[in-house]
Structure formats: structure tokens, C-alpha cells
Amino acid sequence: MAMNRENAETLALEALAWIAGNDELLPVFLGATGADRDALRAGAGDPGFLGSVLDFLLMDDAWIVAFCDAAGLSYEAPLSARAALPGANLADWA
């Protein structure tokens, strides 16, 4: 199912808030992105950064399940949202 950009950004912001509220996952995200808490706040308004939030979330099925269960979303929603944000059309080299 296709998602529009506004809904995708909203879902990514929910994911960012969920990550920020997770004491175990937040340090992993910060380490993986090189961001600090100030960068998180600044990035919340940047669609490209929000895409990277979803890229991070999509790296682990357990994170997807936990986020979607907490947010009441289908497990496909983060991937659908990612497709609607900048950078989603990058080639898959795997």
C-alpha cells in the first residue's frame, strides 16, 4: 500500500519518539547515526533524516514488531513510509 509523504513523515516522527524513549535502543541509534540529542531535535523537521530513522528501524525485525505493536500499526507500515521519503529510491546492492 502506498503512503503519502505527510503520513510517512508522521510515522517516522512516531518512530523517532519511540526510539528516543527506548533506553536500550537510543544509544544504538545515536552510535549508528553519529547524531546527538540536539541533532535529533533538528532532524525531526528534515524528511531525509526521518528517512534515516526508518532505515535504522528497518534493520531489525524485532524493532519493527515492537514499534508497530506500540503504535498500533501494521508491520508493513514502516517500509511503506520509507518508500515515500527522500532517499528511498537508492539502488539495492545486496
Protein backbone atom coordinates (compact mmCIF):
# COMPACT_ATOMS: atom_id res chain seq x y z
CA MET A 1 0.00 0.00 0.00
CA ALA A 2 1.39 3.41 -0.99
CA MET A 3 1.68 6.10 1.66
CA ASN A 4 1.80 9.84 1.05
CA ARG A 5 4.75 11.89 2.24
CA GLU A 6 2.88 13.69 5.03
CA ASN A 7 1.72 10.42 6.58
CA ALA A 8 5.19 8.94 6.12
CA GLU A 9 6.77 11.87 7.95
CA THR A 10 4.25 11.50 10.78
CA LEU A 11 5.01 7.78 11.10
CA ALA A 12 8.77 8.50 11.06
CA LEU A 13 8.31 11.08 13.83
CA GLU A 14 6.44 8.47 15.85
CA ALA A 15 9.32 6.06 15.25
CA LEU A 16 11.84 8.70 16.33
CA ALA A 17 9.88 9.35 19.52
CA TRP A 18 9.69 5.60 20.17
CA ILE A 19 13.44 5.20 19.66
CA ALA A 20 14.17 8.24 21.85
CA GLY A 21 12.02 6.75 24.61
CA ASN A 22 13.78 3.39 24.48
CA ASP A 23 16.74 3.45 26.89
CA GLU A 24 18.38 0.44 25.23
CA LEU A 25 17.81 1.40 21.60
CA LEU A 26 18.53 5.14 21.74
CA PRO A 27 22.29 4.72 22.33
CA VAL A 28 22.43 2.24 19.43
CA PHE A 29 20.68 4.75 17.16
CA LEU A 30 22.92 7.60 18.28
CA GLY A 31 26.01 5.46 17.73
CA ALA A 32 24.86 4.27 14.32
CA THR A 33 23.99 7.75 13.07
CA GLY A 34 26.62 9.81 14.85
CA ALA A 35 23.82 12.11 15.97
CA ASP A 36 23.39 13.64 19.39
CA ARG A 37 20.18 14.74 21.10
CA ASP A 38 20.37 18.21 19.53
CA ALA A 39 20.67 16.64 16.09
CA LEU A 40 17.59 14.53 16.82
CA ARG A 41 15.56 17.66 17.52
CA ALA A 42 16.89 19.41 14.42
CA GLY A 43 16.41 16.31 12.26
CA ALA A 44 12.78 15.94 13.25
CA GLY A 45 11.90 18.54 10.62
CA ASP A 46 14.07 17.05 7.87
CA PRO A 47 12.42 14.44 5.63
CA GLY A 48 15.83 12.98 4.73
CA PHE A 49 16.70 12.48 8.39
CA LEU A 50 13.29 10.94 9.01
CA GLY A 51 14.03 8.50 6.21
CA SER A 52 17.22 7.53 8.02
CA VAL A 53 15.20 6.94 11.19
CA LEU A 54 13.10 4.43 9.28
CA ASP A 55 16.19 2.91 7.66
CA PHE A 56 17.53 2.28 11.16
CA LEU A 57 14.25 0.82 12.41
CA LEU A 58 14.01 -1.46 9.38
CA MET A 59 17.38 -3.06 10.19
CA ASP A 60 15.84 -5.37 12.80
CA ASP A 61 12.56 -7.27 12.65
CA ALA A 62 12.24 -7.18 16.44
CA TRP A 63 12.42 -3.37 16.41
CA ILE A 64 9.75 -3.22 13.71
CA VAL A 65 7.45 -5.52 15.64
CA ALA A 66 7.96 -3.66 18.93
CA PHE A 67 7.41 -0.24 17.34
CA CYS A 68 4.36 -1.31 15.34
CA ASP A 69 2.81 -3.06 18.33
CA ALA A 70 3.35 0.05 20.47
CA ALA A 71 1.98 2.37 17.78
CA GLY A 72 -0.89 0.14 16.67
CA LEU A 73 0.45 -0.11 13.11
CA SER A 74 0.72 -2.93 10.62
CA TYR A 75 4.20 -4.41 10.32
CA GLU A 76 4.36 -3.20 6.71
CA ALA A 77 3.74 0.46 7.62
CA PRO A 78 7.38 1.47 8.28
CA LEU A 79 8.54 0.10 4.92
CA SER A 80 5.66 1.79 3.14
CA ALA A 81 6.50 5.05 4.90
CA ARG A 82 10.18 4.70 4.00
CA ALA A 83 9.27 4.40 0.33
CA ALA A 84 7.53 7.80 0.50
CA LEU A 85 10.53 9.69 1.91
CA PRO A 86 13.67 11.03 0.21
CA GLY A 87 16.41 8.51 -0.49
CA ALA A 88 14.08 5.54 -0.82
CA ASN A 89 14.92 5.04 -4.47
CA LEU A 90 18.53 4.18 -3.81
CA ALA A 91 19.80 1.10 -5.58
CA ASP A 92 19.81 -2.11 -3.58
CA TRP A 93 23.29 -3.55 -3.98
CA ALA A 94 22.62 -6.66 -1.93
